[in-house]
Amino acid sequence: MSQCSPAQYALPHDPELRTAAGKALTFTISLYARNGAIVLKMDQDGQEAQDYIAITEDTMVEIVLKGDQLFFSKAFDAITMKDANLGAFYGNLEYDGYDEKLDRYKIVRFVARFNKGGKFGTTHAFNVNIDLLQKSRRGPRWIGMSIDPDIKNPPPKLN
């Protein structure tokens, strides 16, 4: 049996990107139980039933993890891209929402440069690398996982 590791490319640090972000958006990832089932919900604030990040101009993207068990990865960058050539569009990852007791973060931000002239609905795949907290009598146990939302840059043309 062969195994293939998913590609993970770090977001570059680019001082020019820092000044590029004109607007801000929040993308929330939630994990909870409903009727005996685990629910993973992803939403861009202000966009009903949209499970991707829509970039319509240069933007500061904030990703917030909701739920007592979700934290950004300690072993890997919280956000990684699946294509090494996307560094011109995304960068300057920063962390916030630090939980001192668990030594983990709940919020990250990065800059997304608008893909001016790009084809509508262009998908840029990225990873949200998380640690899932499993509480036990011996202390916290962490399970590393990657969540696979998409960035649409530019988003599809909606009529």
N, C-alpha and C. Protein backbone atom coordinates (compact mmCIF):
# COMPACT_ATOMS: atom_id res chain seq x y z
N MET A 1 0.85 -1.18 0.00
CA MET A 1 0.00 0.00 0.00
C MET A 1 0.89 1.23 0.00
N SER A 2 0.66 2.12 -0.92
CA SER A 2 1.44 3.36 -0.95
C SER A 2 0.66 4.47 -0.29
N GLN A 3 1.41 5.40 0.27
CA GLN A 3 0.78 6.56 0.90
C GLN A 3 1.35 7.81 0.28
N CYS A 4 0.51 8.78 0.12
CA CYS A 4 0.89 10.05 -0.47
C CYS A 4 0.67 11.14 0.56
N SER A 5 1.68 11.91 0.86
CA SER A 5 1.50 13.02 1.79
C SER A 5 0.95 14.22 1.04
N PRO A 6 -0.06 14.89 1.61
CA PRO A 6 -0.55 16.09 0.95
C PRO A 6 0.51 17.18 0.99
N ALA A 7 0.58 17.95 -0.07
CA ALA A 7 1.56 19.03 -0.14
C ALA A 7 1.20 20.12 0.86
N GLN A 8 2.23 20.66 1.52
CA GLN A 8 2.03 21.74 2.47
C GLN A 8 3.16 22.75 2.27
N TYR A 9 2.80 23.93 1.80
CA TYR A 9 3.78 24.98 1.56
C TYR A 9 3.48 26.16 2.48
N ALA A 10 4.48 26.59 3.22
CA ALA A 10 4.31 27.70 4.17
C ALA A 10 3.98 28.99 3.43
N LEU A 11 3.23 29.86 4.10
CA LEU A 11 2.96 31.18 3.55
C LEU A 11 4.21 32.03 3.72
N PRO A 12 4.63 32.74 2.68
CA PRO A 12 5.84 33.57 2.80
C PRO A 12 5.58 34.82 3.64
N HIS A 13 6.66 35.38 4.15
CA HIS A 13 6.58 36.69 4.80
C HIS A 13 7.01 37.71 3.76
N ASP A 14 6.10 38.60 3.39
CA ASP A 14 6.34 39.57 2.34
C ASP A 14 5.89 40.95 2.81
N PRO A 15 6.82 41.86 3.11
CA PRO A 15 6.44 43.19 3.59
C PRO A 15 5.49 43.93 2.64
N GLU A 16 5.58 43.69 1.34
CA GLU A 16 4.69 44.36 0.39
C GLU A 16 3.24 43.89 0.55
N LEU A 17 3.05 42.62 0.92
CA LEU A 17 1.70 42.11 1.14
C LEU A 17 1.04 42.79 2.33
N ARG A 18 1.81 43.13 3.34
CA ARG A 18 1.26 43.73 4.56
C ARG A 18 0.44 44.97 4.23
N THR A 19 0.93 45.78 3.33
CA THR A 19 0.23 47.02 3.00
C THR A 19 -0.88 46.79 1.97
N ALA A 20 -0.93 45.59 1.40
CA ALA A 20 -1.90 45.32 0.34
C ALA A 20 -3.32 45.14 0.86
N ALA A 21 -3.47 44.66 2.10
CA ALA A 21 -4.80 44.30 2.60
C ALA A 21 -5.67 45.53 2.79
N GLY A 22 -6.73 45.63 2.00
CA GLY A 22 -7.65 46.75 2.11
C GLY A 22 -8.82 46.46 3.02
N LYS A 23 -9.40 45.27 2.91
CA LYS A 23 -10.55 44.94 3.74
C LYS A 23 -10.21 43.73 4.60
N ALA A 24 -11.11 43.40 5.52
CA ALA A 24 -10.93 42.24 6.39
C ALA A 24 -12.15 41.34 6.29
N LEU A 25 -11.93 40.04 6.40
CA LEU A 25 -13.03 39.10 6.48
C LEU A 25 -12.69 38.03 7.50
N THR A 26 -13.73 37.44 8.09
CA THR A 26 -13.55 36.38 9.07
C THR A 26 -14.17 35.10 8.54
N PHE A 27 -13.41 34.03 8.65
CA PHE A 27 -13.85 32.69 8.27
C PHE A 27 -13.81 31.86 9.54
N THR A 28 -14.95 31.30 9.92
CA THR A 28 -15.06 30.57 11.18
C THR A 28 -15.19 29.08 10.91
N ILE A 29 -14.42 28.31 11.66
CA ILE A 29 -14.49 26.85 11.60
C ILE A 29 -14.97 26.37 12.97
N SER A 30 -16.07 25.63 12.97
CA SER A 30 -16.67 25.14 14.23
C SER A 30 -16.75 23.63 14.22
N LEU A 31 -16.59 23.05 15.40
CA LEU A 31 -16.73 21.61 15.57
C LEU A 31 -17.66 21.40 16.76
N TYR A 32 -18.74 20.63 16.52
CA TYR A 32 -19.69 20.37 17.61
C TYR A 32 -20.48 19.10 17.30
N ALA A 33 -21.23 18.64 18.30
CA ALA A 33 -22.07 17.46 18.13
C ALA A 33 -23.53 17.88 18.02
N ARG A 34 -24.25 17.21 17.10
CA ARG A 34 -25.69 17.45 16.95
C ARG A 34 -26.36 16.11 16.64
N ASN A 35 -27.32 15.75 17.47
CA ASN A 35 -28.07 14.50 17.29
C ASN A 35 -27.14 13.29 17.14
N GLY A 36 -26.10 13.25 17.95
CA GLY A 36 -25.18 12.12 17.94
C GLY A 36 -24.16 12.12 16.82
N ALA A 37 -24.13 13.17 16.01
CA ALA A 37 -23.18 13.26 14.90
C ALA A 37 -22.22 14.42 15.12
N ILE A 38 -20.99 14.26 14.68
CA ILE A 38 -20.00 15.33 14.73
C ILE A 38 -20.23 16.23 13.52
N VAL A 39 -20.28 17.54 13.76
CA VAL A 39 -20.51 18.51 12.68
C VAL A 39 -19.30 19.43 12.58
N LEU A 40 -18.73 19.53 11.39
CA LEU A 40 -17.67 20.48 11.09
C LEU A 40 -18.30 21.53 10.19
N LYS A 41 -18.35 22.77 10.67
CA LYS A 41 -19.01 23.84 9.91
C LYS A 41 -17.98 24.91 9.57
N MET A 42 -18.00 25.37 8.32
CA MET A 42 -17.10 26.42 7.87
C MET A 42 -17.94 27.52 7.23
N ASP A 43 -17.73 28.76 7.67
CA ASP A 43 -18.53 29.88 7.17
C ASP A 43 -17.70 31.14 7.03
N GLN A 44 -17.89 31.85 5.94
CA GLN A 44 -17.37 33.21 5.83
C GLN A 44 -18.45 34.13 6.36
N ASP A 45 -18.10 34.97 7.33
CA ASP A 45 -19.08 35.87 7.94
C ASP A 45 -19.79 36.69 6.87
N GLY A 46 -21.11 36.80 7.02
CA GLY A 46 -21.91 37.59 6.10
C GLY A 46 -22.31 36.86 4.83
N GLN A 47 -21.86 35.62 4.67
CA GLN A 47 -22.18 34.85 3.47
C GLN A 47 -22.91 33.58 3.88
N GLU A 48 -24.19 33.54 3.66
CA GLU A 48 -25.01 32.39 4.05
C GLU A 48 -24.61 31.14 3.26
N ALA A 49 -24.36 30.05 3.97
CA ALA A 49 -24.08 28.73 3.37
C ALA A 49 -22.91 28.76 2.39
N GLN A 50 -21.88 29.51 2.68
CA GLN A 50 -20.69 29.56 1.83
C GLN A 50 -19.53 28.96 2.60
N ASP A 51 -19.03 27.81 2.16
CA ASP A 51 -17.98 27.11 2.88
C ASP A 51 -16.59 27.34 2.29
N TYR A 52 -16.42 28.41 1.55
CA TYR A 52 -15.11 28.78 1.03
C TYR A 52 -14.87 30.26 1.33
N ILE A 53 -13.61 30.67 1.19
CA ILE A 53 -13.24 32.07 1.39
C ILE A 53 -13.26 32.75 0.03
N ALA A 54 -14.04 33.81 -0.11
CA ALA A 54 -14.15 34.55 -1.37
C ALA A 54 -13.29 35.81 -1.29
N ILE A 55 -12.30 35.91 -2.17
CA ILE A 55 -11.42 37.08 -2.21
C ILE A 55 -11.86 37.96 -3.37
N THR A 56 -12.38 39.15 -3.05
CA THR A 56 -12.88 40.08 -4.07
C THR A 56 -12.01 41.33 -4.18
N GLU A 57 -11.08 41.48 -3.26
CA GLU A 57 -10.10 42.56 -3.28
C GLU A 57 -8.99 42.16 -2.31
N ASP A 58 -7.91 42.92 -2.26
CA ASP A 58 -6.84 42.62 -1.31
C ASP A 58 -7.43 42.60 0.10
N THR A 59 -7.18 41.53 0.84
CA THR A 59 -7.93 41.27 2.07
C THR A 59 -7.04 40.72 3.17
N MET A 60 -7.33 41.12 4.41
CA MET A 60 -6.77 40.46 5.59
C MET A 60 -7.78 39.39 6.00
N VAL A 61 -7.38 38.13 5.89
CA VAL A 61 -8.26 37.01 6.21
C VAL A 61 -7.99 36.58 7.65
N GLU A 62 -9.05 36.50 8.44
CA GLU A 62 -8.94 36.01 9.82
C GLU A 62 -9.69 34.69 9.91
N ILE A 63 -9.01 33.67 10.40
CA ILE A 63 -9.65 32.37 10.60
C ILE A 63 -9.76 32.14 12.10
N VAL A 64 -10.99 31.88 12.54
CA VAL A 64 -11.29 31.68 13.96
C VAL A 64 -11.79 30.26 14.16
N LEU A 65 -11.21 29.57 15.14
CA LEU A 65 -11.67 28.23 15.50
C LEU A 65 -12.63 28.32 16.68
N LYS A 66 -13.81 27.74 16.52
CA LYS A 66 -14.83 27.71 17.58
C LYS A 66 -14.98 26.28 18.08
N GLY A 67 -15.09 26.14 19.38
CA GLY A 67 -15.25 24.82 19.98
C GLY A 67 -14.14 24.58 20.98
N ASP A 68 -14.47 23.86 22.03
CA ASP A 68 -13.52 23.62 23.12
C ASP A 68 -12.36 22.71 22.72
N GLN A 69 -12.49 21.97 21.63
CA GLN A 69 -11.47 20.99 21.26
C GLN A 69 -10.61 21.40 20.07
N LEU A 70 -10.91 22.50 19.41
CA LEU A 70 -10.18 22.91 18.21
C LEU A 70 -9.14 23.97 18.52
N PHE A 71 -7.90 23.71 18.10
CA PHE A 71 -6.80 24.66 18.24
C PHE A 71 -5.91 24.53 17.02
N PHE A 72 -5.18 25.60 16.70
CA PHE A 72 -4.25 25.51 15.58
C PHE A 72 -3.07 24.63 15.96
N SER A 73 -2.50 23.96 14.98
CA SER A 73 -1.42 23.01 15.17
C SER A 73 -0.21 23.64 15.85
N LYS A 74 0.39 22.87 16.73
CA LYS A 74 1.64 23.31 17.35
C LYS A 74 2.82 22.83 16.52
N ALA A 75 2.67 21.71 15.82
CA ALA A 75 3.76 21.11 15.06
C ALA A 75 3.94 21.72 13.67
N PHE A 76 2.86 22.24 13.07
CA PHE A 76 2.91 22.77 11.71
C PHE A 76 2.38 24.20 11.68
N ASP A 77 2.69 24.94 10.62
CA ASP A 77 2.07 26.24 10.43
C ASP A 77 0.56 26.05 10.39
N ALA A 78 -0.17 27.00 10.97
CA ALA A 78 -1.63 26.90 11.03
C ALA A 78 -2.24 26.86 9.63
N ILE A 79 -1.69 27.62 8.71
CA ILE A 79 -2.19 27.70 7.34
C ILE A 79 -1.05 27.36 6.39
N THR A 80 -1.30 26.42 5.49
CA THR A 80 -0.34 26.10 4.44
C THR A 80 -1.09 25.99 3.12
N MET A 81 -0.39 26.27 2.05
CA MET A 81 -0.99 26.18 0.72
C MET A 81 -0.63 24.83 0.11
N LYS A 82 -1.42 24.39 -0.86
CA LYS A 82 -1.17 23.12 -1.53
C LYS A 82 -0.41 23.28 -2.83
N ASP A 83 -0.07 24.51 -3.17
CA ASP A 83 0.66 24.80 -4.40
C ASP A 83 1.75 25.80 -4.07
N ALA A 84 2.98 25.45 -4.36
CA ALA A 84 4.12 26.31 -4.04
C ALA A 84 4.07 27.64 -4.79
N ASN A 85 3.33 27.71 -5.88
CA ASN A 85 3.30 28.92 -6.70
C ASN A 85 2.30 29.97 -6.21
N LEU A 86 1.65 29.75 -5.09
CA LEU A 86 0.64 30.69 -4.61
C LEU A 86 1.20 31.73 -3.65
N GLY A 87 2.50 31.72 -3.42
CA GLY A 87 3.13 32.68 -2.51
C GLY A 87 2.96 34.12 -2.94
N ALA A 88 2.72 34.37 -4.21
CA ALA A 88 2.51 35.75 -4.67
C ALA A 88 1.15 36.29 -4.22
N PHE A 89 0.23 35.40 -3.87
CA PHE A 89 -1.12 35.81 -3.48
C PHE A 89 -1.36 35.83 -1.97
N TYR A 90 -0.63 35.00 -1.23
CA TYR A 90 -0.93 34.81 0.20
C TYR A 90 0.34 34.87 1.03
N GLY A 91 0.23 35.48 2.21
CA GLY A 91 1.41 35.52 3.08
C GLY A 91 1.16 36.23 4.39
N ASN A 92 2.26 36.37 5.13
CA ASN A 92 2.30 37.11 6.40
C ASN A 92 1.36 36.52 7.45
N LEU A 93 1.50 35.23 7.70
CA LEU A 93 0.70 34.55 8.72
C LEU A 93 1.04 35.09 10.10
N GLU A 94 0.00 35.42 10.87
CA GLU A 94 0.20 35.86 12.25
C GLU A 94 -0.83 35.18 13.14
N TYR A 95 -0.44 34.97 14.39
CA TYR A 95 -1.25 34.22 15.36
C TYR A 95 -1.83 35.15 16.41
N ASP A 96 -3.02 34.77 16.94
CA ASP A 96 -3.70 35.53 17.99
C ASP A 96 -4.60 34.54 18.75
N GLY A 97 -5.22 35.02 19.81
CA GLY A 97 -6.13 34.17 20.57
C GLY A 97 -5.41 33.05 21.29
N TYR A 98 -4.32 33.38 21.96
CA TYR A 98 -3.48 32.38 22.63
C TYR A 98 -4.14 31.88 23.92
N ASP A 99 -4.19 30.56 24.08
CA ASP A 99 -4.67 29.92 25.30
C ASP A 99 -3.44 29.50 26.09
N GLU A 100 -3.14 30.25 27.14
CA GLU A 100 -1.91 30.03 27.91
C GLU A 100 -1.88 28.65 28.57
N LYS A 101 -3.01 28.22 29.08
CA LYS A 101 -3.08 26.93 29.78
C LYS A 101 -2.76 25.76 28.85
N LEU A 102 -3.24 25.82 27.62
CA LEU A 102 -3.04 24.73 26.67
C LEU A 102 -1.90 24.99 25.69
N ASP A 103 -1.34 26.20 25.70
CA ASP A 103 -0.22 26.57 24.82
C ASP A 103 -0.57 26.38 23.34
N ARG A 104 -1.75 26.87 22.99
CA ARG A 104 -2.24 26.76 21.61
C ARG A 104 -2.98 28.05 21.24
N TYR A 105 -3.20 28.24 19.93
CA TYR A 105 -3.88 29.43 19.41
C TYR A 105 -5.24 29.08 18.82
N LYS A 106 -6.17 30.06 18.82
CA LYS A 106 -7.51 29.90 18.26
C LYS A 106 -7.77 30.80 17.05
N ILE A 107 -6.89 31.78 16.79
CA ILE A 107 -7.10 32.75 15.70
C ILE A 107 -5.80 32.92 14.92
N VAL A 108 -5.91 32.96 13.60
CA VAL A 108 -4.78 33.34 12.75
C VAL A 108 -5.26 34.33 11.71
N ARG A 109 -4.33 35.09 11.17
CA ARG A 109 -4.61 36.04 10.09
C ARG A 109 -3.53 35.91 9.03
N PHE A 110 -3.93 36.18 7.79
CA PHE A 110 -2.96 36.26 6.71
C PHE A 110 -3.52 37.20 5.65
N VAL A 111 -2.63 37.70 4.82
CA VAL A 111 -3.02 38.61 3.75
C VAL A 111 -3.27 37.81 2.47
N ALA A 112 -4.35 38.15 1.79
CA ALA A 112 -4.67 37.56 0.49
C ALA A 112 -4.71 38.67 -0.55
N ARG A 113 -3.89 38.54 -1.56
CA ARG A 113 -3.88 39.51 -2.66
C ARG A 113 -4.89 39.06 -3.72
N PHE A 114 -5.73 39.99 -4.18
CA PHE A 114 -6.74 39.69 -5.19
C PHE A 114 -6.09 39.25 -6.49
N ASN A 115 -6.63 38.22 -7.10
CA ASN A 115 -6.14 37.66 -8.36
C ASN A 115 -6.77 38.44 -9.52
N LYS A 116 -6.31 39.69 -9.68
CA LYS A 116 -6.86 40.57 -10.71
C LYS A 116 -6.63 39.96 -12.09
N GLY A 117 -7.72 39.86 -12.85
CA GLY A 117 -7.64 39.27 -14.18
C GLY A 117 -7.74 37.76 -14.17
N GLY A 118 -7.87 37.17 -12.98
CA GLY A 118 -8.01 35.72 -12.88
C GLY A 118 -9.38 35.26 -13.33
N LYS A 119 -9.48 34.00 -13.69
CA LYS A 119 -10.75 33.43 -14.14
C LYS A 119 -11.69 33.29 -12.94
N PHE A 120 -12.96 33.71 -13.11
CA PHE A 120 -13.95 33.62 -12.04
C PHE A 120 -14.04 32.18 -11.54
N GLY A 121 -14.08 32.02 -10.22
CA GLY A 121 -14.20 30.70 -9.61
C GLY A 121 -12.89 29.96 -9.48
N THR A 122 -11.76 30.65 -9.70
CA THR A 122 -10.46 30.00 -9.54
C THR A 122 -10.29 29.54 -8.10
N THR A 123 -9.98 28.26 -7.92
CA THR A 123 -9.83 27.68 -6.59
C THR A 123 -8.36 27.58 -6.23
N HIS A 124 -8.02 28.11 -5.06
CA HIS A 124 -6.69 27.97 -4.48
C HIS A 124 -6.85 27.11 -3.22
N ALA A 125 -6.38 25.88 -3.29
CA ALA A 125 -6.55 24.95 -2.17
C ALA A 125 -5.52 25.25 -1.08
N PHE A 126 -6.00 25.19 0.16
CA PHE A 126 -5.09 25.38 1.29
C PHE A 126 -5.48 24.46 2.43
N ASN A 127 -4.59 24.36 3.41
CA ASN A 127 -4.80 23.52 4.58
C ASN A 127 -4.93 24.38 5.82
N VAL A 128 -5.87 24.03 6.69
CA VAL A 128 -5.93 24.59 8.03
C VAL A 128 -5.49 23.45 8.93
N ASN A 129 -4.31 23.58 9.51
CA ASN A 129 -3.72 22.52 10.33
C ASN A 129 -4.11 22.74 11.79
N ILE A 130 -4.80 21.74 12.33
CA ILE A 130 -5.33 21.88 13.68
C ILE A 130 -4.85 20.74 14.58
N ASP A 131 -5.00 20.97 15.86
CA ASP A 131 -4.85 19.93 16.88
C ASP A 131 -6.21 19.78 17.55
N LEU A 132 -6.68 18.55 17.61
CA LEU A 132 -7.95 18.24 18.26
C LEU A 132 -7.65 17.77 19.68
N LEU A 133 -8.17 18.47 20.66
CA LEU A 133 -7.93 18.16 22.07
C LEU A 133 -8.79 16.99 22.52
N GLN A 134 -8.12 15.98 23.07
CA GLN A 134 -8.80 14.85 23.70
C GLN A 134 -8.40 14.86 25.17
N LYS A 135 -9.34 15.14 26.04
CA LYS A 135 -9.05 15.20 27.47
C LYS A 135 -9.03 13.79 28.06
N SER A 136 -8.08 13.57 28.97
CA SER A 136 -7.99 12.29 29.66
C SER A 136 -7.51 12.54 31.08
N ARG A 137 -7.55 11.49 31.90
CA ARG A 137 -7.08 11.63 33.29
C ARG A 137 -5.59 11.95 33.35
N ARG A 138 -4.85 11.53 32.35
CA ARG A 138 -3.40 11.78 32.33
C ARG A 138 -3.04 13.14 31.74
N GLY A 139 -4.04 13.91 31.39
CA GLY A 139 -3.79 15.22 30.80
C GLY A 139 -4.24 15.28 29.36
N PRO A 140 -4.03 16.41 28.71
CA PRO A 140 -4.51 16.55 27.33
C PRO A 140 -3.74 15.67 26.36
N ARG A 141 -4.46 15.14 25.39
CA ARG A 141 -3.86 14.38 24.29
C ARG A 141 -4.28 15.09 23.02
N TRP A 142 -3.34 15.27 22.10
CA TRP A 142 -3.60 16.04 20.88
C TRP A 142 -3.57 15.14 19.66
N ILE A 143 -4.56 15.32 18.79
CA ILE A 143 -4.62 14.60 17.52
C ILE A 143 -4.51 15.64 16.41
N GLY A 144 -3.45 15.55 15.63
CA GLY A 144 -3.23 16.49 14.53
C GLY A 144 -4.07 16.15 13.32
N MET A 145 -4.67 17.16 12.70
CA MET A 145 -5.50 16.97 11.51
C MET A 145 -5.36 18.18 10.60
N SER A 146 -5.69 17.98 9.34
CA SER A 146 -5.77 19.09 8.38
C SER A 146 -7.19 19.19 7.87
N ILE A 147 -7.71 20.41 7.86
CA ILE A 147 -9.02 20.70 7.29
C ILE A 147 -8.77 21.34 5.93
N ASP A 148 -9.62 21.04 4.98
CA ASP A 148 -9.34 21.37 3.59
C ASP A 148 -10.40 22.28 2.96
N PRO A 149 -10.52 23.53 3.44
CA PRO A 149 -11.43 24.45 2.75
C PRO A 149 -10.74 25.00 1.49
N ASP A 150 -11.43 25.83 0.76
CA ASP A 150 -10.86 26.44 -0.44
C ASP A 150 -10.95 27.95 -0.36
N ILE A 151 -10.08 28.58 -1.13
CA ILE A 151 -10.16 30.02 -1.39
C ILE A 151 -10.57 30.16 -2.85
N LYS A 152 -11.56 30.98 -3.12
CA LYS A 152 -11.95 31.30 -4.50
C LYS A 152 -11.45 32.71 -4.76
N ASN A 153 -10.50 32.82 -5.68
CA ASN A 153 -9.83 34.10 -5.91
C ASN A 153 -9.58 34.26 -7.41
N PRO A 154 -10.46 34.96 -8.13
CA PRO A 154 -11.71 35.58 -7.70
C PRO A 154 -12.81 34.54 -7.55
N PRO A 155 -13.85 34.88 -6.77
CA PRO A 155 -14.96 33.94 -6.57
C PRO A 155 -15.79 33.78 -7.83
N PRO A 156 -16.67 32.77 -7.84
CA PRO A 156 -17.56 32.60 -9.00
C PRO A 156 -18.46 33.81 -9.19
N LYS A 157 -18.81 34.07 -10.42
CA LYS A 157 -19.73 35.16 -10.75
C LYS A 157 -21.14 34.67 -10.43
N LEU A 158 -21.80 35.35 -9.50
CA LEU A 158 -23.16 34.97 -9.12
C LEU A 158 -24.16 35.88 -9.80
N ASN A 159 -25.17 35.31 -10.41
CA ASN A 159 -26.18 36.10 -11.13
C ASN A 159 -27.34 36.42 -10.23
